[in-house]
């Protein structure tokens, strides 16, 4: 099993191999927005951190909660200014 590097950029073929899904499934996921990707020269490029988010969504939810907590704290400090 290959390790997904969060800082690497993957093609759709590499993504299919890593996730072990069919070509039609990857197309459907890209079209629905389940996988966020950038189109470069007519081909999709997918960040490794996006793949990790896809297979481990609880990590992303935890990061969002931490971000929201920090944002709220900063807003409360800035409010009196």
PDB file of N, CA and C in Angstrom:
ATOM      1  N   UNK A   1       0.845  -1.183   0.000  1.00  0.00           N
ATOM      2  CA  UNK A   1       0.000   0.000   0.000  1.00  0.00           C
ATOM      3  C   UNK A   1       0.886   1.240   0.000  1.00  0.00           C
ATOM      4  N   UNK A   2       0.584   2.172  -0.858  1.00  0.00           N
ATOM      5  CA  UNK A   2       1.356   3.400  -0.954  1.00  0.00           C
ATOM      6  C   UNK A   2       0.918   4.394   0.104  1.00  0.00           C
ATOM      7  N   UNK A   3       1.860   5.212   0.508  1.00  0.00           N
ATOM      8  CA  UNK A   3       1.573   6.247   1.488  1.00  0.00           C
ATOM      9  C   UNK A   3       1.217   7.523   0.737  1.00  0.00           C
ATOM     10  N   UNK A   4       0.192   8.220   1.194  1.00  0.00           N
ATOM     11  CA  UNK A   4      -0.230   9.468   0.556  1.00  0.00           C
ATOM     12  C   UNK A   4       0.523  10.615   1.211  1.00  0.00           C
ATOM     13  N   UNK A   5       1.273  11.341   0.400  1.00  0.00           N
ATOM     14  CA  UNK A   5       2.020  12.499   0.879  1.00  0.00           C
ATOM     15  C   UNK A   5       1.118  13.728   0.786  1.00  0.00           C
ATOM     16  N   UNK A   6       0.862  14.427   1.897  1.00  0.00           N
ATOM     17  CA  UNK A   6      -0.063  15.565   1.852  1.00  0.00           C
ATOM     18  C   UNK A   6       0.429  16.728   1.002  1.00  0.00           C
ATOM     19  N   UNK A   7       1.728  16.799   0.716  1.00  0.00           N
ATOM     20  CA  UNK A   7       2.271  17.915  -0.053  1.00  0.00           C
ATOM     21  C   UNK A   7       2.516  17.574  -1.517  1.00  0.00           C
ATOM     22  N   UNK A   8       2.129  16.388  -1.928  1.00  0.00           N
ATOM     23  CA  UNK A   8       2.339  15.967  -3.312  1.00  0.00           C
ATOM     24  C   UNK A   8       1.076  16.211  -4.133  1.00  0.00           C
ATOM     25  N   UNK A   9       1.273  16.384  -5.438  1.00  0.00           N
ATOM     26  CA  UNK A   9       0.164  16.584  -6.361  1.00  0.00           C
ATOM     27  C   UNK A   9      -0.004  15.301  -7.168  1.00  0.00           C
ATOM     28  N   UNK A  10      -1.234  14.796  -7.227  1.00  0.00           N
ATOM     29  CA  UNK A  10      -1.508  13.534  -7.898  1.00  0.00           C
ATOM     30  C   UNK A  10      -2.395  13.742  -9.122  1.00  0.00           C
ATOM     31  N   UNK A  11      -2.201  12.885 -10.128  1.00  0.00           N
ATOM     32  CA  UNK A  11      -3.084  12.873 -11.295  1.00  0.00           C
ATOM     33  C   UNK A  11      -4.309  12.032 -10.949  1.00  0.00           C
ATOM     34  N   UNK A  12      -5.293  12.026 -11.836  1.00  0.00           N
ATOM     35  CA  UNK A  12      -6.482  11.209 -11.586  1.00  0.00           C
ATOM     36  C   UNK A  12      -6.139   9.720 -11.607  1.00  0.00           C
ATOM     37  N   UNK A  13      -5.214   9.323 -12.470  1.00  0.00           N
ATOM     38  CA  UNK A  13      -4.809   7.907 -12.507  1.00  0.00           C
ATOM     39  C   UNK A  13      -4.121   7.484 -11.219  1.00  0.00           C
ATOM     40  N   UNK A  14      -3.238   8.329 -10.713  1.00  0.00           N
ATOM     41  CA  UNK A  14      -2.567   8.019  -9.448  1.00  0.00           C
ATOM     42  C   UNK A  14      -3.579   7.974  -8.296  1.00  0.00           C
ATOM     43  N   UNK A  15      -4.523   8.891  -8.333  1.00  0.00           N
ATOM     44  CA  UNK A  15      -5.565   8.930  -7.306  1.00  0.00           C
ATOM     45  C   UNK A  15      -6.413   7.672  -7.349  1.00  0.00           C
ATOM     46  N   UNK A  16      -6.785   7.254  -8.553  1.00  0.00           N
ATOM     47  CA  UNK A  16      -7.576   6.024  -8.708  1.00  0.00           C
ATOM     48  C   UNK A  16      -6.836   4.833  -8.124  1.00  0.00           C
ATOM     49  N   UNK A  17      -5.534   4.766  -8.400  1.00  0.00           N
ATOM     50  CA  UNK A  17      -4.731   3.658  -7.893  1.00  0.00           C
ATOM     51  C   UNK A  17      -4.649   3.689  -6.367  1.00  0.00           C
ATOM     52  N   UNK A  18      -4.412   4.876  -5.806  1.00  0.00           N
ATOM     53  CA  UNK A  18      -4.300   4.999  -4.351  1.00  0.00           C
ATOM     54  C   UNK A  18      -5.602   4.662  -3.637  1.00  0.00           C
ATOM     55  N   UNK A  19      -6.728   5.144  -4.204  1.00  0.00           N
ATOM     56  CA  UNK A  19      -8.027   4.922  -3.565  1.00  0.00           C
ATOM     57  C   UNK A  19      -8.689   3.613  -3.990  1.00  0.00           C
ATOM     58  N   UNK A  20      -8.111   2.979  -5.019  1.00  0.00           N
ATOM     59  CA  UNK A  20      -8.640   1.717  -5.556  1.00  0.00           C
ATOM     60  C   UNK A  20     -10.097   1.858  -5.990  1.00  0.00           C
ATOM     61  N   UNK A  21     -10.315   2.839  -6.867  1.00  0.00           N
ATOM     62  CA  UNK A  21     -11.658   3.082  -7.406  1.00  0.00           C
ATOM     63  C   UNK A  21     -11.598   3.080  -8.931  1.00  0.00           C
ATOM     64  N   UNK A  22     -12.751   2.962  -9.559  1.00  0.00           N
ATOM     65  CA  UNK A  22     -12.817   2.877 -11.020  1.00  0.00           C
ATOM     66  C   UNK A  22     -12.737   4.270 -11.655  1.00  0.00           C
ATOM     67  N   UNK A  23     -12.444   4.320 -12.972  1.00  0.00           N
ATOM     68  CA  UNK A  23     -12.397   5.609 -13.670  1.00  0.00           C
ATOM     69  C   UNK A  23     -13.725   6.367 -13.590  1.00  0.00           C
ATOM     70  N   UNK A  24     -14.841   5.653 -13.684  1.00  0.00           N
ATOM     71  CA  UNK A  24     -16.137   6.333 -13.622  1.00  0.00           C
ATOM     72  C   UNK A  24     -16.398   6.899 -12.225  1.00  0.00           C
ATOM     73  N   UNK A  25     -15.919   6.223 -11.198  1.00  0.00           N
ATOM     74  CA  UNK A  25     -16.106   6.715  -9.833  1.00  0.00           C
ATOM     75  C   UNK A  25     -15.309   7.986  -9.604  1.00  0.00           C
ATOM     76  N   UNK A  26     -14.067   8.028 -10.087  1.00  0.00           N
ATOM     77  CA  UNK A  26     -13.245   9.234  -9.905  1.00  0.00           C
ATOM     78  C   UNK A  26     -13.872  10.405 -10.645  1.00  0.00           C
ATOM     79  N   UNK A  27     -14.403  10.154 -11.850  1.00  0.00           N
ATOM     80  CA  UNK A  27     -15.066  11.219 -12.605  1.00  0.00           C
ATOM     81  C   UNK A  27     -16.287  11.735 -11.862  1.00  0.00           C
ATOM     82  N   UNK A  28     -17.070  10.817 -11.323  1.00  0.00           N
ATOM     83  CA  UNK A  28     -18.273  11.192 -10.580  1.00  0.00           C
ATOM     84  C   UNK A  28     -17.915  11.997  -9.323  1.00  0.00           C
ATOM     85  N   UNK A  29     -16.861  11.598  -8.634  1.00  0.00           N
ATOM     86  CA  UNK A  29     -16.439  12.296  -7.425  1.00  0.00           C
ATOM     87  C   UNK A  29     -15.912  13.695  -7.740  1.00  0.00           C
ATOM     88  N   UNK A  30     -15.203  13.839  -8.840  1.00  0.00           N
ATOM     89  CA  UNK A  30     -14.707  15.153  -9.249  1.00  0.00           C
ATOM     90  C   UNK A  30     -15.872  16.068  -9.648  1.00  0.00           C
ATOM     91  N   UNK A  31     -16.809  15.511 -10.413  1.00  0.00           N
ATOM     92  CA  UNK A  31     -17.948  16.293 -10.883  1.00  0.00           C
ATOM     93  C   UNK A  31     -18.850  16.741  -9.731  1.00  0.00           C
ATOM     94  N   UNK A  32     -19.044  15.869  -8.734  1.00  0.00           N
ATOM     95  CA  UNK A  32     -19.914  16.208  -7.605  1.00  0.00           C
ATOM     96  C   UNK A  32     -19.225  17.099  -6.579  1.00  0.00           C
ATOM     97  N   UNK A  33     -17.903  17.200  -6.657  1.00  0.00           N
ATOM     98  CA  UNK A  33     -17.173  18.017  -5.698  1.00  0.00           C
ATOM     99  C   UNK A  33     -16.729  17.253  -4.469  1.00  0.00           C
ATOM    100  N   UNK A  34     -16.917  15.942  -4.463  1.00  0.00           N
ATOM    101  CA  UNK A  34     -16.467  15.122  -3.334  1.00  0.00           C
ATOM    102  C   UNK A  34     -14.949  15.175  -3.214  1.00  0.00           C
ATOM    103  N   UNK A  35     -14.281  15.295  -4.361  1.00  0.00           N
ATOM    104  CA  UNK A  35     -12.831  15.506  -4.391  1.00  0.00           C
ATOM    105  C   UNK A  35     -12.595  16.873  -5.013  1.00  0.00           C
ATOM    106  N   UNK A  36     -11.935  17.733  -4.269  1.00  0.00           N
ATOM    107  CA  UNK A  36     -11.600  19.057  -4.808  1.00  0.00           C
ATOM    108  C   UNK A  36     -10.309  18.935  -5.606  1.00  0.00           C
ATOM    109  N   UNK A  37     -10.307  19.498  -6.803  1.00  0.00           N
ATOM    110  CA  UNK A  37      -9.137  19.396  -7.673  1.00  0.00           C
ATOM    111  C   UNK A  37      -9.000  20.659  -8.512  1.00  0.00           C
ATOM    112  N   UNK A  38      -7.827  20.852  -9.064  1.00  0.00           N
ATOM    113  CA  UNK A  38      -7.562  21.963  -9.975  1.00  0.00           C
ATOM    114  C   UNK A  38      -7.326  21.397 -11.363  1.00  0.00           C
ATOM    115  N   UNK A  39      -7.814  22.115 -12.343  1.00  0.00           N
ATOM    116  CA  UNK A  39      -7.625  21.671 -13.714  1.00  0.00           C
ATOM    117  C   UNK A  39      -6.410  22.398 -14.288  1.00  0.00           C
ATOM    118  N   UNK A  40      -5.433  21.628 -14.741  1.00  0.00           N
ATOM    119  CA  UNK A  40      -4.204  22.185 -15.302  1.00  0.00           C
ATOM    120  C   UNK A  40      -4.024  21.599 -16.685  1.00  0.00           C
ATOM    121  N   UNK A  41      -4.082  22.460 -17.690  1.00  0.00           N
ATOM    122  CA  UNK A  41      -3.893  21.993 -19.061  1.00  0.00           C
ATOM    123  C   UNK A  41      -4.908  20.946 -19.478  1.00  0.00           C
ATOM    124  N   UNK A  42      -6.135  21.059 -18.982  1.00  0.00           N
ATOM    125  CA  UNK A  42      -7.188  20.124 -19.354  1.00  0.00           C
ATOM    126  C   UNK A  42      -7.215  18.844 -18.528  1.00  0.00           C
ATOM    127  N   UNK A  43      -6.292  18.717 -17.586  1.00  0.00           N
ATOM    128  CA  UNK A  43      -6.250  17.525 -16.738  1.00  0.00           C
ATOM    129  C   UNK A  43      -6.366  17.942 -15.277  1.00  0.00           C
ATOM    130  N   UNK A  44      -6.997  17.090 -14.481  1.00  0.00           N
ATOM    131  CA  UNK A  44      -7.154  17.386 -13.065  1.00  0.00           C
ATOM    132  C   UNK A  44      -5.892  17.037 -12.290  1.00  0.00           C
ATOM    133  N   UNK A  45      -5.596  17.884 -11.298  1.00  0.00           N
ATOM    134  CA  UNK A  45      -4.516  17.638 -10.347  1.00  0.00           C
ATOM    135  C   UNK A  45      -5.114  17.709  -8.947  1.00  0.00           C
ATOM    136  N   UNK A  46      -4.771  16.728  -8.124  1.00  0.00           N
ATOM    137  CA  UNK A  46      -5.388  16.595  -6.812  1.00  0.00           C
ATOM    138  C   UNK A  46      -4.289  16.604  -5.753  1.00  0.00           C
ATOM    139  N   UNK A  47      -4.456  17.458  -4.746  1.00  0.00           N
ATOM    140  CA  UNK A  47      -3.472  17.537  -3.673  1.00  0.00           C
ATOM    141  C   UNK A  47      -3.592  16.333  -2.744  1.00  0.00           C
ATOM    142  N   UNK A  48      -2.470  15.895  -2.224  1.00  0.00           N
ATOM    143  CA  UNK A  48      -2.449  14.768  -1.300  1.00  0.00           C
ATOM    144  C   UNK A  48      -3.273  15.038  -0.057  1.00  0.00           C
ATOM    145  N   UNK A  49      -3.242  16.295   0.435  1.00  0.00           N
ATOM    146  CA  UNK A  49      -4.034  16.606   1.633  1.00  0.00           C
ATOM    147  C   UNK A  49      -5.524  16.486   1.357  1.00  0.00           C
ATOM    148  N   UNK A  50      -5.928  16.684   0.115  1.00  0.00           N
ATOM    149  CA  UNK A  50      -7.333  16.510  -0.261  1.00  0.00           C
ATOM    150  C   UNK A  50      -7.715  15.028  -0.191  1.00  0.00           C
ATOM    151  N   UNK A  51      -6.819  14.164  -0.612  1.00  0.00           N
ATOM    152  CA  UNK A  51      -7.082  12.724  -0.531  1.00  0.00           C
ATOM    153  C   UNK A  51      -7.161  12.279   0.919  1.00  0.00           C
ATOM    154  N   UNK A  52      -6.278  12.807   1.750  1.00  0.00           N
ATOM    155  CA  UNK A  52      -6.310  12.473   3.176  1.00  0.00           C
ATOM    156  C   UNK A  52      -7.605  12.964   3.820  1.00  0.00           C
ATOM    157  N   UNK A  53      -8.067  14.141   3.397  1.00  0.00           N
ATOM    158  CA  UNK A  53      -9.332  14.672   3.909  1.00  0.00           C
ATOM    159  C   UNK A  53     -10.487  13.759   3.518  1.00  0.00           C
ATOM    160  N   UNK A  54     -10.411  13.239   2.314  1.00  0.00           N
ATOM    161  CA  UNK A  54     -11.464  12.372   1.810  1.00  0.00           C
ATOM    162  C   UNK A  54     -11.544  11.061   2.584  1.00  0.00           C
ATOM    163  N   UNK A  55     -10.400  10.469   2.884  1.00  0.00           N
ATOM    164  CA  UNK A  55     -10.422   9.176   3.561  1.00  0.00           C
ATOM    165  C   UNK A  55     -10.462   9.310   5.079  1.00  0.00           C
ATOM    166  N   UNK A  56     -10.222  10.528   5.593  1.00  0.00           N
ATOM    167  CA  UNK A  56     -10.238  10.737   7.036  1.00  0.00           C
ATOM    168  C   UNK A  56     -10.919  12.068   7.361  1.00  0.00           C
ATOM    169  N   UNK A  57     -12.238  12.177   7.151  1.00  0.00           N
ATOM    170  CA  UNK A  57     -12.925  13.460   7.341  1.00  0.00           C
ATOM    171  C   UNK A  57     -12.956  13.939   8.789  1.00  0.00           C
ATOM    172  N   UNK A  58     -12.829  13.033   9.761  1.00  0.00           N
ATOM    173  CA  UNK A  58     -12.863  13.487  11.149  1.00  0.00           C
ATOM    174  C   UNK A  58     -11.673  14.379  11.481  1.00  0.00           C
ATOM    175  N   UNK A  59     -10.562  14.203  10.785  1.00  0.00           N
ATOM    176  CA  UNK A  59      -9.395  15.060  10.993  1.00  0.00           C
ATOM    177  C   UNK A  59      -9.717  16.479  10.541  1.00  0.00           C
ATOM    178  N   UNK A  60     -10.400  16.600   9.408  1.00  0.00           N
ATOM    179  CA  UNK A  60     -10.761  17.926   8.915  1.00  0.00           C
ATOM    180  C   UNK A  60     -11.746  18.601   9.857  1.00  0.00           C
ATOM    181  N   UNK A  61     -12.730  17.857  10.362  1.00  0.00           N
ATOM    182  CA  UNK A  61     -13.704  18.447  11.287  1.00  0.00           C
ATOM    183  C   UNK A  61     -13.012  18.953  12.540  1.00  0.00           C
ATOM    184  N   UNK A  62     -12.049  18.201  13.032  1.00  0.00           N
ATOM    185  CA  UNK A  62     -11.306  18.609  14.218  1.00  0.00           C
ATOM    186  C   UNK A  62     -10.530  19.901  13.935  1.00  0.00           C
ATOM    187  N   UNK A  63      -9.908  19.984  12.783  1.00  0.00           N
ATOM    188  CA  UNK A  63      -9.152  21.178  12.408  1.00  0.00           C
ATOM    189  C   UNK A  63     -10.078  22.387  12.293  1.00  0.00           C
ATOM    190  N   UNK A  64     -11.269  22.193  11.758  1.00  0.00           N
ATOM    191  CA  UNK A  64     -12.235  23.292  11.626  1.00  0.00           C
ATOM    192  C   UNK A  64     -12.660  23.774  13.009  1.00  0.00           C
ATOM    193  N   UNK A  65     -12.903  22.848  13.927  1.00  0.00           N
ATOM    194  CA  UNK A  65     -13.298  23.238  15.296  1.00  0.00           C
ATOM    195  C   UNK A  65     -12.202  24.062  15.967  1.00  0.00           C
ATOM    196  N   UNK A  66     -10.950  23.642  15.819  1.00  0.00           N
ATOM    197  CA  UNK A  66      -9.832  24.385  16.405  1.00  0.00           C
ATOM    198  C   UNK A  66      -9.748  25.769  15.779  1.00  0.00           C
ATOM    199  N   UNK A  67      -9.880  25.847  14.463  1.00  0.00           N
ATOM    200  CA  UNK A  67      -9.837  27.127  13.764  1.00  0.00           C
ATOM    201  C   UNK A  67     -10.958  28.046  14.252  1.00  0.00           C
ATOM    202  N   UNK A  68     -12.174  27.511  14.376  1.00  0.00           N
ATOM    203  CA  UNK A  68     -13.312  28.319  14.823  1.00  0.00           C
ATOM    204  C   UNK A  68     -13.095  28.838  16.242  1.00  0.00           C
ATOM    205  N   UNK A  69     -12.513  28.011  17.101  1.00  0.00           N
ATOM    206  CA  UNK A  69     -12.241  28.414  18.472  1.00  0.00           C
ATOM    207  C   UNK A  69     -11.239  29.577  18.505  1.00  0.00           C
ATOM    208  N   UNK A  70     -10.183  29.468  17.713  1.00  0.00           N
ATOM    209  CA  UNK A  70      -9.161  30.520  17.647  1.00  0.00           C
ATOM    210  C   UNK A  70      -9.766  31.795  17.073  1.00  0.00           C
ATOM    211  N   UNK A  71     -10.561  31.653  16.027  1.00  0.00           N
ATOM    212  CA  UNK A  71     -11.195  32.810  15.390  1.00  0.00           C
ATOM    213  C   UNK A  71     -12.096  33.537  16.375  1.00  0.00           C
ATOM    214  N   UNK A  72     -12.874  32.789  17.148  1.00  0.00           N
ATOM    215  CA  UNK A  72     -13.778  33.385  18.127  1.00  0.00           C
ATOM    216  C   UNK A  72     -12.991  34.142  19.200  1.00  0.00           C
ATOM    217  N   UNK A  73     -11.897  33.538  19.671  1.00  0.00           N
ATOM    218  CA  UNK A  73     -11.063  34.178  20.677  1.00  0.00           C
ATOM    219  C   UNK A  73     -10.480  35.495  20.159  1.00  0.00           C
ATOM    220  N   UNK A  74     -10.013  35.498  18.922  1.00  0.00           N
ATOM    221  CA  UNK A  74      -9.432  36.704  18.324  1.00  0.00           C
ATOM    222  C   UNK A  74     -10.504  37.772  18.146  1.00  0.00           C
ATOM    223  N   UNK A  75     -11.693  37.372  17.678  1.00  0.00           N
ATOM    224  CA  UNK A  75     -12.777  38.342  17.499  1.00  0.00           C
ATOM    225  C   UNK A  75     -13.151  38.994  18.825  1.00  0.00           C
ATOM    226  N   UNK A  76     -13.172  38.202  19.900  1.00  0.00           N
ATOM    227  CA  UNK A  76     -13.501  38.757  21.206  1.00  0.00           C
ATOM    228  C   UNK A  76     -12.437  39.733  21.707  1.00  0.00           C
ATOM    229  N   UNK A  77     -11.171  39.490  21.375  1.00  0.00           N
ATOM    230  CA  UNK A  77     -10.115  40.395  21.769  1.00  0.00           C
ATOM    231  C   UNK A  77     -10.139  41.679  20.950  1.00  0.00           C
ATOM    232  N   UNK A  78     -10.479  41.578  19.682  1.00  0.00           N
ATOM    233  CA  UNK A  78     -10.472  42.734  18.783  1.00  0.00           C
ATOM    234  C   UNK A  78     -11.733  43.584  18.962  1.00  0.00           C
ATOM    235  N   UNK A  79     -12.826  42.990  19.390  1.00  0.00           N
ATOM    236  CA  UNK A  79     -14.113  43.662  19.526  1.00  0.00           C
ATOM    237  C   UNK A  79     -14.024  44.975  20.304  1.00  0.00           C
ATOM    238  N   UNK A  80     -13.340  45.027  21.474  1.00  0.00           N
ATOM    239  CA  UNK A  80     -13.296  46.283  22.244  1.00  0.00           C
ATOM    240  C   UNK A  80     -12.564  47.416  21.534  1.00  0.00           C
ATOM    241  N   UNK A  81     -11.704  47.108  20.571  1.00  0.00           N
ATOM    242  CA  UNK A  81     -10.952  48.147  19.889  1.00  0.00           C
ATOM    243  C   UNK A  81     -11.911  49.009  19.132  1.00  0.00           C
TER     244      UNK A  81
END
